[in-house]
C-alpha atoms as a PDB file:
ATOM      1  CA  MET A   1      68.416  38.197  93.764  1.00  0.00           C
ATOM      2  CA  SER A   2      69.009  34.452  93.946  1.00  0.00           C
ATOM      3  CA  PRO A   3      67.672  32.301  96.780  1.00  0.00           C
ATOM      4  CA  ASP A   4      71.221  31.637  97.977  1.00  0.00           C
ATOM      5  CA  ALA A   5      71.872  35.368  98.239  1.00  0.00           C
ATOM      6  CA  VAL A   6      68.716  35.852 100.315  1.00  0.00           C
ATOM      7  CA  ILE A   7      69.729  33.033 102.644  1.00  0.00           C
ATOM      8  CA  GLU A   8      73.239  34.428 102.966  1.00  0.00           C
ATOM      9  CA  THR A   9      71.834  37.877 103.785  1.00  0.00           C
ATOM     10  CA  ILE A  10      69.576  36.425 106.490  1.00  0.00           C
ATOM     11  CA  VAL A  11      72.491  34.414 107.898  1.00  0.00           C
ATOM     12  CA  ALA A  12      74.745  37.483 107.890  1.00  0.00           C
ATOM     13  CA  LEU A  13      72.109  39.531 109.729  1.00  0.00           C
ATOM     14  CA  LEU A  14      71.583  36.822 112.349  1.00  0.00           C
ATOM     15  CA  LEU A  15      75.321  36.462 112.895  1.00  0.00           C
ATOM     16  CA  LEU A  16      75.725  40.225 113.166  1.00  0.00           C
ATOM     17  CA  ILE A  17      72.869  40.465 115.667  1.00  0.00           C
ATOM     18  CA  GLY A  18      74.282  37.521 117.638  1.00  0.00           C
ATOM     19  CA  THR A  19      77.762  38.968 117.893  1.00  0.00           C
ATOM     20  CA  THR A  20      76.396  42.397 118.804  1.00  0.00           C
ATOM     21  CA  LEU A  21      74.295  40.923 121.602  1.00  0.00           C
ATOM     22  CA  ALA A  22      77.266  38.909 122.865  1.00  0.00           C
ATOM     23  CA  LEU A  23      79.393  42.066 122.888  1.00  0.00           C
ATOM     24  CA  LEU A  24      76.679  43.975 124.769  1.00  0.00           C
ATOM     25  CA  SER A  25      76.465  41.126 127.247  1.00  0.00           C
ATOM     26  CA  ALA A  26      80.200  41.263 127.891  1.00  0.00           C
ATOM     27  CA  ILE A  27      80.073  45.036 128.366  1.00  0.00           C
ATOM     28  CA  GLY A  28      77.110  44.639 130.724  1.00  0.00           C
ATOM     29  CA  ILE A  29      78.924  42.061 132.824  1.00  0.00           C
ATOM     30  CA  LEU A  30      81.902  44.380 133.157  1.00  0.00           C
ATOM     31  CA  ARG A  31      79.970  47.596 133.807  1.00  0.00           C
ATOM     32  CA  LEU A  32      76.986  46.641 135.957  1.00  0.00           C
ATOM     33  CA  PRO A  33      77.369  47.041 139.725  1.00  0.00           C
ATOM     34  CA  ASP A  34      76.150  43.846 141.408  1.00  0.00           C
ATOM     35  CA  ILE A  35      75.511  40.159 140.801  1.00  0.00           C
ATOM     36  CA  TYR A  36      71.801  40.649 140.191  1.00  0.00           C
ATOM     37  CA  THR A  37      72.172  43.057 137.292  1.00  0.00           C
ATOM     38  CA  ARG A  38      75.221  41.224 135.942  1.00  0.00           C
ATOM     39  CA  SER A  39      73.233  38.029 135.878  1.00  0.00           C
ATOM     40  CA  HIS A  40      70.573  39.793 133.853  1.00  0.00           C
ATOM     41  CA  ALA A  41      73.161  40.899 131.305  1.00  0.00           C
ATOM     42  CA  GLY A  42      74.796  37.517 131.248  1.00  0.00           C
ATOM     43  CA  THR A  43      71.660  35.488 130.749  1.00  0.00           C
ATOM     44  CA  LYS A  44      69.365  37.632 128.620  1.00  0.00           C
ATOM     45  CA  SER A  45      71.609  39.100 125.982  1.00  0.00           C
ATOM     46  CA  ALA A  46      74.143  36.275 125.934  1.00  0.00           C
ATOM     47  CA  THR A  47      71.354  33.735 125.468  1.00  0.00           C
ATOM     48  CA  LEU A  48      69.859  35.745 122.633  1.00  0.00           C
ATOM     49  CA  GLY A  49      73.296  36.236 121.099  1.00  0.00           C
ATOM     50  CA  VAL A  50      74.082  32.530 121.134  1.00  0.00           C
ATOM     51  CA  LEU A  51      70.619  31.680 119.828  1.00  0.00           C
ATOM     52  CA  CYS A  52      70.936  34.114 116.900  1.00  0.00           C
ATOM     53  CA  THR A  53      74.385  32.773 116.072  1.00  0.00           C
ATOM     54  CA  LEU A  54      73.286  29.132 116.203  1.00  0.00           C
ATOM     55  CA  LEU A  55      70.120  29.894 114.244  1.00  0.00           C
ATOM     56  CA  GLY A  56      72.151  31.648 111.554  1.00  0.00           C
ATOM     57  CA  THR A  57      74.475  28.669 111.387  1.00  0.00           C
ATOM     58  CA  PHE A  58      71.534  26.272 111.167  1.00  0.00           C
ATOM     59  CA  ILE A  59      69.906  28.275 108.365  1.00  0.00           C
ATOM     60  CA  PHE A  60      73.194  28.403 106.456  1.00  0.00           C
ATOM     61  CA  PHE A  61      73.747  24.666 106.595  1.00  0.00           C
ATOM     62  CA  ALA A  62      70.088  23.865 105.883  1.00  0.00           C
ATOM     63  CA  GLY A  63      69.669  26.370 103.050  1.00  0.00           C
ATOM     64  CA  ILE A  64      73.041  26.458 101.335  1.00  0.00           C
ATOM     65  CA  GLU A  65      74.649  23.110 102.122  1.00  0.00           C
ATOM     66  CA  ASN A  66      71.375  21.097 102.336  1.00  0.00           C
ATOM     67  CA  PHE A  67      72.543  19.630 105.645  1.00  0.00           C
ATOM     68  CA  PHE A  68      70.055  19.391 108.508  1.00  0.00           C
ATOM     69  CA  SER A  69      71.951  19.443 111.814  1.00  0.00           C
ATOM     70  CA  VAL A  70      70.181  17.968 114.797  1.00  0.00           C
ATOM     71  CA  ARG A  71      73.108  19.038 116.988  1.00  0.00           C
ATOM     72  CA  LEU A  72      72.423  22.702 116.237  1.00  0.00           C
ATOM     73  CA  ILE A  73      68.745  22.282 117.114  1.00  0.00           C
ATOM     74  CA  LEU A  74      69.698  20.558 120.362  1.00  0.00           C
ATOM     75  CA  GLY A  75      72.238  23.297 121.088  1.00  0.00           C
ATOM     76  CA  ILE A  76      69.598  25.973 120.572  1.00  0.00           C
ATOM     77  CA  LEU A  77      67.148  24.177 122.857  1.00  0.00           C
ATOM     78  CA  PHE A  78      69.806  23.480 125.494  1.00  0.00           C
ATOM     79  CA  VAL A  79      70.989  27.098 125.670  1.00  0.00           C
ATOM     80  CA  PHE A  80      67.440  28.434 125.561  1.00  0.00           C
ATOM     81  CA  LEU A  81      66.380  26.281 128.504  1.00  0.00           C
ATOM     82  CA  THR A  82      69.438  26.203 130.734  1.00  0.00           C
ATOM     83  CA  ALA A  83      70.957  29.702 130.635  1.00  0.00           C
ATOM     84  CA  PRO A  84      67.978  31.636 132.083  1.00  0.00           C
ATOM     85  CA  VAL A  85      67.356  28.959 134.715  1.00  0.00           C
ATOM     86  CA  ALA A  86      71.013  28.984 135.761  1.00  0.00           C
ATOM     87  CA  GLY A  87      70.991  32.792 136.019  1.00  0.00           C
ATOM     88  CA  HIS A  88      67.847  32.701 138.135  1.00  0.00           C
ATOM     89  CA  LEU A  89      69.272  30.079 140.476  1.00  0.00           C
ATOM     90  CA  MET A  90      72.547  31.976 140.897  1.00  0.00           C
ATOM     91  CA  CYS A  91      70.673  35.165 141.809  1.00  0.00           C
ATOM     92  CA  ARG A  92      68.442  33.272 144.190  1.00  0.00           C
ATOM     93  CA  ALA A  93      71.419  31.657 145.913  1.00  0.00           C
ATOM     94  CA  ALA A  94      73.199  35.014 146.137  1.00  0.00           C
ATOM     95  CA  TYR A  95      70.119  36.686 147.617  1.00  0.00           C
ATOM     96  CA  ARG A  96      69.524  33.971 150.183  1.00  0.00           C
ATOM     97  CA  SER A  97      73.169  33.961 151.231  1.00  0.00           C
ATOM     98  CA  GLY A  98      73.027  37.698 151.900  1.00  0.00           C
ATOM     99  CA  VAL A  99      74.905  39.250 148.981  1.00  0.00           C
ATOM    100  CA  PRO A 100      73.971  42.934 149.149  1.00  0.00           C
ATOM    101  CA  MET A 101      72.266  44.778 146.331  1.00  0.00           C
ATOM    102  CA  SER A 102      73.787  47.814 144.737  1.00  0.00           C
ATOM    103  CA  ASP A 103      73.111  51.210 146.282  1.00  0.00           C
ATOM    104  CA  ARG A 104      71.404  52.159 143.027  1.00  0.00           C
ATOM    105  CA  SER A 105      68.768  49.422 143.364  1.00  0.00           C
ATOM    106  CA  VAL A 106      65.344  50.957 143.791  1.00  0.00           C
ATOM    107  CA  ARG A 107      63.329  48.214 145.495  1.00  0.00           C
ATOM    108  CA  ASP A 108      63.566  44.739 146.919  1.00  0.00           C
ATOM    109  CA  GLU A 109      60.307  42.929 146.275  1.00  0.00           C
ATOM    110  CA  LEU A 110      61.589  39.564 147.451  1.00  0.00           C
ATOM    111  CA  LYS A 111      62.365  40.827 150.955  1.00  0.00           C
ATOM    112  CA  GLU A 112      58.672  41.143 151.850  1.00  0.00           C
ATOM    113  CA  VAL A 113      57.850  37.676 150.483  1.00  0.00           C
ATOM    114  CA  LEU A 114      60.659  35.979 152.383  1.00  0.00           C
ATOM    115  CA  SER A 115      59.868  37.815 155.624  1.00  0.00           C
ATOM    116  CA  VAL A 116      56.249  36.605 155.441  1.00  0.00           C
ATOM    117  CA  LYS A 117      57.408  33.034 154.865  1.00  0.00           C
ATOM    118  CA  LYS A 118      59.785  33.206 157.856  1.00  0.00           C
ATOM    119  CA  GLU A 119      56.958  34.388 160.122  1.00  0.00           C
ATOM    120  CA  GLU A 120      54.727  31.463 159.122  1.00  0.00           C
END
């Protein structure tokens, strides 16, 4: 097996994993009951899906085309840092504005912490 074939196999696997995670993220956003669980689906699996796709693209261009793309590295870092933080802030804003949790939610650990802070 030639080195190009190995690189192409790795790239194909990363792209397949990335698209699968993006599809699972879309299904999770459609199927999950409230903003808190939808945010989890939207940030975790979508972030990993985009990262796998960008990493596969970076490896392809670096290994096959001998082109080192700083934009892809910056894209990976940007998505990796901003997507989870944005999801956390949206859930925090929703919780503090009183958006109710799903009936299937088991516990609310933040309620006790916020009630203690209000008493102080």
